[in-house]
Amino acid sequence: MKSILILVIALFTLNLSAAPNVWEGTPLKSFSLQDQSGKNRTDKDFSGKWLILYFYPKDKTPGCTIEAQNFTDDYAQYQKLGVEIVGVSYDDVDSHKDFADTYEIPFTLLADTDAKLSKAMKVDRILPWPHASRQTFIINPDGIIVEHIENVKPKIHSQQLLTKLEQHLSKK
C-alpha cells in the first residue's frame, strides 16, 4: 500500500511539473460586456489586433490602481505596437467610469458583474470575497491565446508584458 501511495504522489508531482499552460493555443472565449461608458463590447471588437486581457480584483484598490496606472503610463508604447489593453473585474459600469475618470485610464474596462467571462477564463475566486483574480492573457490578432500569466506583480507587470509582446511580434 505504501508503494502505491508513493507511486501516485510521484506521478502527480511529475504531472504538475510537466503540465503545459492549458490556455496557450486556445481561442479567446466569446464575451459581450459593457465598458466604462456603458457601450456593449464583444470579443469581435478586438479581433485583428493583439490584445492584453487582464483581470483584476477591484477598482481603486492599491494593487489594481498601481497596475492600471502603469498600463496608462505605458499606453503609448502599447499603441505603437498596435496592442489593445482591456481590463476586466466584477465592478459595475459606474465604478469603472469613476476609476477611469479618476486615474485618466485611456483603455477599456469591462464590467463582468455576473462573472461569466471570469468563470469562462477560470479566474473567478470566492474567498475572501467574490472577485476576479489578477491574471493576464496575451491574445494574437487571430483571437488565439499565446500566453497566460498567473503570477502578476502589479508594479512590474506592464513592463514585463511589453517585453513579452516584443518577443511575440518579432516572431512574425
N, C-alpha and C. Protein backbone atom coordinates (compact mmCIF):
# COMPACT_ATOMS: atom_id res chain seq x y z
N MET A 1 0.83 -1.19 0.00
CA MET A 1 0.00 0.00 0.00
C MET A 1 0.87 1.26 0.00
N LYS A 2 1.94 1.22 0.77
CA LYS A 2 2.84 2.37 0.85
C LYS A 2 3.48 2.63 -0.52
N SER A 3 3.82 1.57 -1.25
CA SER A 3 4.42 1.70 -2.59
C SER A 3 3.45 2.36 -3.57
N ILE A 4 2.19 1.99 -3.48
CA ILE A 4 1.18 2.59 -4.37
C ILE A 4 1.03 4.07 -4.07
N LEU A 5 1.01 4.42 -2.80
CA LEU A 5 0.89 5.83 -2.40
C LEU A 5 2.08 6.64 -2.92
N ILE A 6 3.27 6.11 -2.80
CA ILE A 6 4.47 6.79 -3.29
C ILE A 6 4.40 6.96 -4.81
N LEU A 7 3.95 5.91 -5.50
CA LEU A 7 3.81 5.98 -6.95
C LEU A 7 2.79 7.05 -7.37
N VAL A 8 1.66 7.10 -6.70
CA VAL A 8 0.63 8.09 -7.01
C VAL A 8 1.17 9.51 -6.78
N ILE A 9 1.86 9.73 -5.68
CA ILE A 9 2.44 11.05 -5.39
C ILE A 9 3.48 11.41 -6.45
N ALA A 10 4.31 10.47 -6.83
CA ALA A 10 5.34 10.72 -7.85
C ALA A 10 4.70 11.09 -9.18
N LEU A 11 3.69 10.34 -9.60
CA LEU A 11 3.02 10.64 -10.86
C LEU A 11 2.32 11.99 -10.82
N PHE A 12 1.69 12.30 -9.71
CA PHE A 12 1.02 13.59 -9.55
C PHE A 12 2.03 14.73 -9.64
N THR A 13 3.17 14.58 -8.98
CA THR A 13 4.22 15.60 -9.00
C THR A 13 4.77 15.78 -10.40
N LEU A 14 5.03 14.69 -11.11
CA LEU A 14 5.51 14.77 -12.49
C LEU A 14 4.49 15.46 -13.38
N ASN A 15 3.24 15.14 -13.19
CA ASN A 15 2.18 15.72 -14.00
C ASN A 15 2.11 17.23 -13.78
N LEU A 16 2.27 17.68 -12.54
CA LEU A 16 2.23 19.11 -12.26
C LEU A 16 3.40 19.83 -12.89
N SER A 17 4.58 19.28 -12.76
CA SER A 17 5.76 19.96 -13.27
C SER A 17 5.83 19.94 -14.79
N ALA A 18 5.21 18.97 -15.43
CA ALA A 18 5.28 18.86 -16.88
C ALA A 18 4.05 19.45 -17.56
N ALA A 19 3.08 19.88 -16.78
CA ALA A 19 1.83 20.37 -17.36
C ALA A 19 2.05 21.67 -18.12
N PRO A 20 1.71 21.69 -19.42
CA PRO A 20 1.85 22.92 -20.17
C PRO A 20 0.72 23.88 -19.78
N ASN A 21 0.89 25.12 -20.16
CA ASN A 21 -0.16 26.09 -19.91
C ASN A 21 -1.37 25.70 -20.76
N VAL A 22 -2.46 25.39 -20.11
CA VAL A 22 -3.65 24.88 -20.82
C VAL A 22 -4.29 25.92 -21.73
N TRP A 23 -4.02 27.19 -21.51
CA TRP A 23 -4.65 28.24 -22.31
C TRP A 23 -3.93 28.50 -23.62
N GLU A 24 -2.63 28.33 -23.64
CA GLU A 24 -1.87 28.67 -24.83
C GLU A 24 -2.32 27.83 -26.02
N GLY A 25 -2.65 28.53 -27.11
CA GLY A 25 -3.11 27.86 -28.32
C GLY A 25 -4.62 27.72 -28.41
N THR A 26 -5.35 28.17 -27.38
CA THR A 26 -6.81 28.07 -27.41
C THR A 26 -7.42 29.43 -27.78
N PRO A 27 -8.60 29.40 -28.39
CA PRO A 27 -9.26 30.67 -28.74
C PRO A 27 -9.78 31.39 -27.49
N LEU A 28 -9.77 32.71 -27.56
CA LEU A 28 -10.37 33.52 -26.51
C LEU A 28 -11.85 33.18 -26.43
N LYS A 29 -12.37 33.08 -25.22
CA LYS A 29 -13.80 32.82 -25.03
C LYS A 29 -14.61 34.02 -25.52
N SER A 30 -15.74 33.75 -26.12
CA SER A 30 -16.62 34.82 -26.57
C SER A 30 -17.19 35.56 -25.38
N PHE A 31 -17.37 36.88 -25.54
CA PHE A 31 -17.99 37.67 -24.47
C PHE A 31 -18.72 38.86 -25.04
N SER A 32 -19.62 39.38 -24.24
CA SER A 32 -20.34 40.61 -24.53
C SER A 32 -20.57 41.29 -23.20
N LEU A 33 -19.82 42.37 -22.95
CA LEU A 33 -19.87 43.09 -21.68
C LEU A 33 -19.87 44.59 -21.92
N GLN A 34 -20.37 45.34 -20.96
CA GLN A 34 -20.35 46.80 -21.06
C GLN A 34 -19.02 47.36 -20.59
N ASP A 35 -18.57 48.42 -21.29
CA ASP A 35 -17.36 49.09 -20.86
C ASP A 35 -17.71 50.26 -19.92
N GLN A 36 -16.71 51.05 -19.54
CA GLN A 36 -16.91 52.12 -18.57
C GLN A 36 -17.83 53.22 -19.07
N SER A 37 -18.11 53.27 -20.36
CA SER A 37 -19.05 54.27 -20.88
C SER A 37 -20.44 53.68 -21.09
N GLY A 38 -20.60 52.40 -20.76
CA GLY A 38 -21.90 51.74 -20.93
C GLY A 38 -22.08 51.11 -22.30
N LYS A 39 -21.05 51.22 -23.16
CA LYS A 39 -21.11 50.64 -24.50
C LYS A 39 -20.87 49.14 -24.43
N ASN A 40 -21.69 48.38 -25.16
CA ASN A 40 -21.52 46.94 -25.20
C ASN A 40 -20.32 46.60 -26.06
N ARG A 41 -19.41 45.79 -25.53
CA ARG A 41 -18.20 45.38 -26.25
C ARG A 41 -18.16 43.86 -26.30
N THR A 42 -17.73 43.35 -27.44
CA THR A 42 -17.61 41.89 -27.59
C THR A 42 -16.18 41.54 -27.96
N ASP A 43 -15.88 40.26 -27.92
CA ASP A 43 -14.55 39.79 -28.32
C ASP A 43 -14.27 40.17 -29.78
N LYS A 44 -15.30 40.25 -30.60
CA LYS A 44 -15.13 40.58 -32.02
C LYS A 44 -14.60 42.00 -32.21
N ASP A 45 -14.88 42.90 -31.24
CA ASP A 45 -14.38 44.28 -31.33
C ASP A 45 -12.85 44.33 -31.33
N PHE A 46 -12.21 43.30 -30.83
CA PHE A 46 -10.76 43.30 -30.68
C PHE A 46 -10.06 42.34 -31.65
N SER A 47 -10.84 41.70 -32.52
CA SER A 47 -10.22 40.76 -33.46
C SER A 47 -9.37 41.54 -34.48
N GLY A 48 -8.32 40.87 -34.95
CA GLY A 48 -7.42 41.50 -35.90
C GLY A 48 -6.33 42.34 -35.24
N LYS A 49 -6.32 42.37 -33.89
CA LYS A 49 -5.33 43.15 -33.14
C LYS A 49 -4.75 42.28 -32.03
N TRP A 50 -3.55 42.62 -31.62
CA TRP A 50 -3.01 42.00 -30.41
C TRP A 50 -3.78 42.57 -29.23
N LEU A 51 -4.03 41.72 -28.24
CA LEU A 51 -4.84 42.13 -27.09
C LEU A 51 -4.21 41.68 -25.79
N ILE A 52 -4.15 42.60 -24.84
CA ILE A 52 -3.83 42.28 -23.46
C ILE A 52 -5.17 42.26 -22.73
N LEU A 53 -5.60 41.11 -22.27
CA LEU A 53 -6.83 40.98 -21.50
C LEU A 53 -6.42 40.67 -20.07
N TYR A 54 -6.58 41.68 -19.20
CA TYR A 54 -6.14 41.46 -17.83
C TYR A 54 -7.31 41.53 -16.87
N PHE A 55 -7.32 40.61 -15.95
CA PHE A 55 -8.35 40.52 -14.92
C PHE A 55 -7.76 41.05 -13.62
N TYR A 56 -8.58 41.75 -12.87
CA TYR A 56 -8.11 42.32 -11.61
C TYR A 56 -9.25 42.31 -10.59
N PRO A 57 -8.92 42.31 -9.29
CA PRO A 57 -9.94 42.15 -8.26
C PRO A 57 -10.94 43.30 -8.10
N LYS A 58 -10.47 44.56 -8.01
CA LYS A 58 -11.40 45.63 -7.64
C LYS A 58 -10.85 47.00 -8.00
N ASP A 59 -11.72 47.84 -8.55
CA ASP A 59 -11.35 49.23 -8.85
C ASP A 59 -10.89 49.95 -7.59
N LYS A 60 -9.91 50.81 -7.78
CA LYS A 60 -9.41 51.73 -6.75
C LYS A 60 -8.79 51.06 -5.53
N THR A 61 -8.44 49.79 -5.63
CA THR A 61 -7.68 49.16 -4.55
C THR A 61 -6.20 49.36 -4.88
N PRO A 62 -5.32 49.29 -3.90
CA PRO A 62 -3.92 49.65 -4.15
C PRO A 62 -3.25 48.92 -5.31
N GLY A 63 -3.26 47.60 -5.32
CA GLY A 63 -2.59 46.85 -6.39
C GLY A 63 -3.23 47.10 -7.75
N CYS A 64 -4.55 47.15 -7.78
CA CYS A 64 -5.26 47.36 -9.05
C CYS A 64 -5.01 48.76 -9.60
N THR A 65 -4.91 49.73 -8.71
CA THR A 65 -4.63 51.10 -9.13
C THR A 65 -3.21 51.20 -9.68
N ILE A 66 -2.24 50.60 -9.00
CA ILE A 66 -0.85 50.61 -9.49
C ILE A 66 -0.78 49.97 -10.87
N GLU A 67 -1.43 48.82 -11.02
CA GLU A 67 -1.40 48.11 -12.30
C GLU A 67 -2.00 48.98 -13.41
N ALA A 68 -3.17 49.57 -13.16
CA ALA A 68 -3.84 50.40 -14.16
C ALA A 68 -3.02 51.65 -14.47
N GLN A 69 -2.41 52.26 -13.46
CA GLN A 69 -1.58 53.45 -13.70
C GLN A 69 -0.36 53.11 -14.55
N ASN A 70 0.24 51.95 -14.33
CA ASN A 70 1.39 51.55 -15.13
C ASN A 70 0.99 51.28 -16.58
N PHE A 71 -0.16 50.64 -16.77
CA PHE A 71 -0.66 50.45 -18.14
C PHE A 71 -0.92 51.81 -18.79
N THR A 72 -1.47 52.75 -18.02
CA THR A 72 -1.73 54.09 -18.53
C THR A 72 -0.43 54.79 -18.90
N ASP A 73 0.56 54.72 -18.01
CA ASP A 73 1.86 55.34 -18.28
C ASP A 73 2.52 54.76 -19.54
N ASP A 74 2.33 53.48 -19.78
CA ASP A 74 2.95 52.79 -20.91
C ASP A 74 2.04 52.71 -22.15
N TYR A 75 0.88 53.33 -22.07
CA TYR A 75 -0.14 53.17 -23.10
C TYR A 75 0.37 53.53 -24.51
N ALA A 76 1.16 54.59 -24.63
CA ALA A 76 1.68 54.98 -25.94
C ALA A 76 2.56 53.88 -26.54
N GLN A 77 3.31 53.17 -25.70
CA GLN A 77 4.14 52.07 -26.19
C GLN A 77 3.27 50.93 -26.72
N TYR A 78 2.17 50.65 -26.00
CA TYR A 78 1.25 49.60 -26.47
C TYR A 78 0.62 50.00 -27.81
N GLN A 79 0.22 51.28 -27.90
CA GLN A 79 -0.39 51.75 -29.14
C GLN A 79 0.60 51.66 -30.30
N LYS A 80 1.85 52.01 -30.04
CA LYS A 80 2.89 51.95 -31.07
C LYS A 80 3.05 50.51 -31.60
N LEU A 81 2.86 49.53 -30.71
CA LEU A 81 2.95 48.12 -31.09
C LEU A 81 1.64 47.60 -31.70
N GLY A 82 0.57 48.43 -31.66
CA GLY A 82 -0.72 48.01 -32.19
C GLY A 82 -1.46 47.07 -31.26
N VAL A 83 -1.27 47.26 -29.95
CA VAL A 83 -1.85 46.37 -28.94
C VAL A 83 -2.96 47.09 -28.18
N GLU A 84 -4.10 46.42 -28.04
CA GLU A 84 -5.21 46.91 -27.23
C GLU A 84 -5.06 46.37 -25.81
N ILE A 85 -5.48 47.17 -24.83
CA ILE A 85 -5.50 46.73 -23.43
C ILE A 85 -6.95 46.74 -22.97
N VAL A 86 -7.36 45.67 -22.32
CA VAL A 86 -8.72 45.58 -21.77
C VAL A 86 -8.61 45.01 -20.36
N GLY A 87 -9.13 45.76 -19.39
CA GLY A 87 -9.18 45.31 -18.01
C GLY A 87 -10.57 44.79 -17.69
N VAL A 88 -10.64 43.76 -16.86
CA VAL A 88 -11.93 43.13 -16.51
C VAL A 88 -11.98 42.90 -15.01
N SER A 89 -13.09 43.33 -14.39
CA SER A 89 -13.34 42.99 -12.99
C SER A 89 -14.85 42.85 -12.80
N TYR A 90 -15.24 42.46 -11.60
CA TYR A 90 -16.67 42.31 -11.29
C TYR A 90 -17.35 43.66 -11.07
N ASP A 91 -16.59 44.73 -10.97
CA ASP A 91 -17.17 46.04 -10.71
C ASP A 91 -18.13 46.45 -11.82
N ASP A 92 -19.10 47.29 -11.48
CA ASP A 92 -20.10 47.71 -12.46
C ASP A 92 -19.61 48.89 -13.30
N VAL A 93 -20.42 49.28 -14.27
CA VAL A 93 -20.06 50.35 -15.21
C VAL A 93 -19.74 51.64 -14.47
N ASP A 94 -20.56 52.01 -13.49
CA ASP A 94 -20.33 53.27 -12.75
C ASP A 94 -19.00 53.25 -12.01
N SER A 95 -18.67 52.13 -11.40
CA SER A 95 -17.39 52.01 -10.70
C SER A 95 -16.23 52.13 -11.69
N HIS A 96 -16.36 51.46 -12.84
CA HIS A 96 -15.32 51.55 -13.87
C HIS A 96 -15.17 52.97 -14.40
N LYS A 97 -16.30 53.65 -14.60
CA LYS A 97 -16.25 55.02 -15.10
C LYS A 97 -15.52 55.91 -14.10
N ASP A 98 -15.86 55.78 -12.83
CA ASP A 98 -15.20 56.57 -11.79
C ASP A 98 -13.70 56.26 -11.73
N PHE A 99 -13.35 54.98 -11.79
CA PHE A 99 -11.95 54.56 -11.76
C PHE A 99 -11.20 55.15 -12.97
N ALA A 100 -11.79 55.01 -14.16
CA ALA A 100 -11.16 55.52 -15.39
C ALA A 100 -11.02 57.04 -15.35
N ASP A 101 -12.05 57.72 -14.88
CA ASP A 101 -12.00 59.19 -14.81
C ASP A 101 -10.98 59.67 -13.78
N THR A 102 -10.98 59.04 -12.63
CA THR A 102 -10.08 59.44 -11.54
C THR A 102 -8.62 59.30 -11.95
N TYR A 103 -8.28 58.21 -12.61
CA TYR A 103 -6.88 57.93 -12.94
C TYR A 103 -6.56 58.12 -14.43
N GLU A 104 -7.50 58.73 -15.16
CA GLU A 104 -7.32 59.03 -16.59
C GLU A 104 -6.86 57.79 -17.37
N ILE A 105 -7.59 56.71 -17.15
CA ILE A 105 -7.29 55.44 -17.82
C ILE A 105 -7.80 55.52 -19.26
N PRO A 106 -6.90 55.37 -20.25
CA PRO A 106 -7.29 55.55 -21.65
C PRO A 106 -7.80 54.29 -22.34
N PHE A 107 -7.78 53.16 -21.66
CA PHE A 107 -8.15 51.90 -22.30
C PHE A 107 -9.47 51.38 -21.74
N THR A 108 -9.95 50.31 -22.33
CA THR A 108 -11.26 49.74 -22.00
C THR A 108 -11.23 48.98 -20.68
N LEU A 109 -12.26 49.23 -19.86
CA LEU A 109 -12.51 48.44 -18.65
C LEU A 109 -13.88 47.79 -18.83
N LEU A 110 -13.95 46.49 -18.66
CA LEU A 110 -15.22 45.77 -18.85
C LEU A 110 -15.81 45.35 -17.51
N ALA A 111 -17.13 45.52 -17.41
CA ALA A 111 -17.88 45.17 -16.21
C ALA A 111 -18.41 43.74 -16.33
N ASP A 112 -17.74 42.83 -15.64
CA ASP A 112 -18.13 41.41 -15.65
C ASP A 112 -18.96 41.15 -14.39
N THR A 113 -20.05 41.88 -14.24
CA THR A 113 -20.82 41.85 -12.99
C THR A 113 -21.43 40.49 -12.67
N ASP A 114 -21.70 39.69 -13.68
CA ASP A 114 -22.24 38.35 -13.41
C ASP A 114 -21.14 37.28 -13.43
N ALA A 115 -19.89 37.71 -13.62
CA ALA A 115 -18.70 36.84 -13.59
C ALA A 115 -18.67 35.79 -14.69
N LYS A 116 -19.46 35.96 -15.74
CA LYS A 116 -19.48 34.95 -16.81
C LYS A 116 -18.12 34.81 -17.49
N LEU A 117 -17.50 35.93 -17.85
CA LEU A 117 -16.20 35.85 -18.53
C LEU A 117 -15.13 35.35 -17.56
N SER A 118 -15.16 35.85 -16.34
CA SER A 118 -14.17 35.41 -15.34
C SER A 118 -14.27 33.91 -15.10
N LYS A 119 -15.48 33.40 -15.03
CA LYS A 119 -15.66 31.96 -14.84
C LYS A 119 -15.21 31.19 -16.09
N ALA A 120 -15.54 31.71 -17.27
CA ALA A 120 -15.14 31.04 -18.51
C ALA A 120 -13.62 30.97 -18.64
N MET A 121 -12.94 32.01 -18.14
CA MET A 121 -11.48 32.06 -18.21
C MET A 121 -10.83 31.48 -16.95
N LYS A 122 -11.66 30.97 -16.05
CA LYS A 122 -11.20 30.30 -14.82
C LYS A 122 -10.32 31.19 -13.93
N VAL A 123 -10.73 32.47 -13.82
CA VAL A 123 -10.02 33.41 -12.94
C VAL A 123 -10.90 33.85 -11.77
N ASP A 124 -12.10 33.28 -11.67
CA ASP A 124 -13.03 33.67 -10.60
C ASP A 124 -12.60 33.08 -9.26
N ARG A 125 -12.78 33.86 -8.23
CA ARG A 125 -12.47 33.44 -6.87
C ARG A 125 -13.62 33.85 -5.95
N ILE A 126 -13.84 33.07 -4.90
CA ILE A 126 -14.90 33.43 -3.96
C ILE A 126 -14.37 33.89 -2.60
N LEU A 127 -13.15 33.54 -2.29
CA LEU A 127 -12.58 33.93 -0.99
C LEU A 127 -11.45 34.93 -1.19
N PRO A 128 -11.31 35.92 -0.38
CA PRO A 128 -12.14 36.26 0.78
C PRO A 128 -13.45 36.94 0.41
N TRP A 129 -13.65 37.30 -0.88
CA TRP A 129 -14.91 37.82 -1.39
C TRP A 129 -14.94 37.45 -2.88
N PRO A 130 -16.11 37.42 -3.50
CA PRO A 130 -16.15 37.09 -4.93
C PRO A 130 -15.42 38.15 -5.76
N HIS A 131 -14.45 37.70 -6.58
CA HIS A 131 -13.68 38.63 -7.41
C HIS A 131 -12.94 37.85 -8.51
N ALA A 132 -12.45 38.60 -9.47
CA ALA A 132 -11.58 38.02 -10.50
C ALA A 132 -10.15 38.08 -9.96
N SER A 133 -9.43 37.00 -10.08
CA SER A 133 -8.04 37.02 -9.62
C SER A 133 -7.17 37.75 -10.65
N ARG A 134 -6.06 38.24 -10.19
CA ARG A 134 -5.16 39.02 -11.03
C ARG A 134 -4.40 38.08 -11.98
N GLN A 135 -4.89 38.00 -13.23
CA GLN A 135 -4.29 37.16 -14.26
C GLN A 135 -4.40 37.88 -15.60
N THR A 136 -3.48 37.57 -16.50
CA THR A 136 -3.45 38.25 -17.79
C THR A 136 -3.29 37.24 -18.92
N PHE A 137 -3.95 37.57 -20.03
CA PHE A 137 -3.87 36.76 -21.24
C PHE A 137 -3.37 37.65 -22.38
N ILE A 138 -2.41 37.15 -23.15
CA ILE A 138 -1.98 37.82 -24.37
C ILE A 138 -2.63 37.06 -25.52
N ILE A 139 -3.39 37.79 -26.34
CA ILE A 139 -4.15 37.18 -27.43
C ILE A 139 -3.66 37.75 -28.76
N ASN A 140 -3.41 36.88 -29.72
CA ASN A 140 -2.91 37.34 -31.01
C ASN A 140 -4.06 37.85 -31.89
N PRO A 141 -3.77 38.45 -33.05
CA PRO A 141 -4.83 39.00 -33.90
C PRO A 141 -5.85 37.98 -34.40
N ASP A 142 -5.51 36.70 -34.35
CA ASP A 142 -6.45 35.65 -34.76
C ASP A 142 -7.36 35.21 -33.61
N GLY A 143 -7.22 35.86 -32.44
CA GLY A 143 -8.06 35.51 -31.30
C GLY A 143 -7.57 34.31 -30.52
N ILE A 144 -6.30 33.94 -30.71
CA ILE A 144 -5.72 32.78 -30.03
C ILE A 144 -4.85 33.25 -28.85
N ILE A 145 -5.03 32.62 -27.72
CA ILE A 145 -4.24 32.94 -26.54
C ILE A 145 -2.82 32.41 -26.76
N VAL A 146 -1.84 33.30 -26.69
CA VAL A 146 -0.46 32.88 -26.89
C VAL A 146 0.30 32.84 -25.57
N GLU A 147 -0.26 33.49 -24.55
CA GLU A 147 0.39 33.44 -23.24
C GLU A 147 -0.63 33.75 -22.15
N HIS A 148 -0.45 33.07 -21.02
CA HIS A 148 -1.28 33.27 -19.83
C HIS A 148 -0.35 33.50 -18.66
N ILE A 149 -0.54 34.61 -17.98
CA ILE A 149 0.30 34.95 -16.83
C ILE A 149 -0.56 34.89 -15.57
N GLU A 150 -0.22 33.97 -14.68
CA GLU A 150 -0.98 33.80 -13.45
C GLU A 150 -0.40 34.57 -12.28
N ASN A 151 0.91 34.68 -12.22
CA ASN A 151 1.56 35.32 -11.08
C ASN A 151 1.92 36.76 -11.43
N VAL A 152 0.93 37.62 -11.33
CA VAL A 152 1.08 39.02 -11.72
C VAL A 152 1.57 39.85 -10.55
N LYS A 153 2.61 40.64 -10.80
CA LYS A 153 3.11 41.61 -9.82
C LYS A 153 2.79 42.99 -10.38
N PRO A 154 1.79 43.69 -9.81
CA PRO A 154 1.29 44.95 -10.39
C PRO A 154 2.37 45.98 -10.72
N LYS A 155 3.39 46.11 -9.90
CA LYS A 155 4.39 47.15 -10.12
C LYS A 155 5.20 46.94 -11.38
N ILE A 156 5.44 45.70 -11.78
CA ILE A 156 6.31 45.43 -12.93
C ILE A 156 5.59 44.77 -14.10
N HIS A 157 4.30 44.52 -13.94
CA HIS A 157 3.56 43.73 -14.93
C HIS A 157 3.54 44.38 -16.32
N SER A 158 3.28 45.65 -16.40
CA SER A 158 3.19 46.30 -17.70
C SER A 158 4.51 46.19 -18.47
N GLN A 159 5.61 46.44 -17.81
CA GLN A 159 6.91 46.33 -18.47
C GLN A 159 7.20 44.89 -18.90
N GLN A 160 6.82 43.93 -18.06
CA GLN A 160 7.01 42.52 -18.43
C GLN A 160 6.20 42.19 -19.69
N LEU A 161 4.98 42.69 -19.75
CA LEU A 161 4.13 42.42 -20.91
C LEU A 161 4.69 43.05 -22.17
N LEU A 162 5.22 44.26 -22.06
CA LEU A 162 5.82 44.90 -23.23
C LEU A 162 6.98 44.06 -23.77
N THR A 163 7.78 43.53 -22.87
CA THR A 163 8.89 42.67 -23.28
C THR A 163 8.37 41.41 -23.97
N LYS A 164 7.35 40.78 -23.37
CA LYS A 164 6.77 39.57 -23.96
C LYS A 164 6.14 39.86 -25.33
N LEU A 165 5.46 40.99 -25.44
CA LEU A 165 4.84 41.35 -26.71
C LEU A 165 5.89 41.57 -27.80
N GLU A 166 6.96 42.24 -27.46
CA GLU A 166 8.03 42.46 -28.43
C GLU A 166 8.59 41.12 -28.91
N GLN A 167 8.69 40.16 -28.01
CA GLN A 167 9.17 38.82 -28.40
C GLN A 167 8.18 38.16 -29.37
N HIS A 168 6.90 38.24 -29.04
CA HIS A 168 5.87 37.64 -29.92
C HIS A 168 5.84 38.34 -31.26
N LEU A 169 5.91 39.66 -31.26
CA LEU A 169 5.84 40.41 -32.50
C LEU A 169 7.07 40.20 -33.38
N SER A 170 8.20 39.91 -32.78
CA SER A 170 9.41 39.68 -33.56
C SER A 170 9.39 38.32 -34.26
N LYS A 171 8.47 37.45 -33.85
CA LYS A 171 8.34 36.11 -34.46
C LYS A 171 7.55 36.14 -35.76
N LYS A 172 6.93 37.25 -36.06
CA LYS A 172 6.08 37.36 -37.26
C LYS A 172 6.79 36.95 -38.51
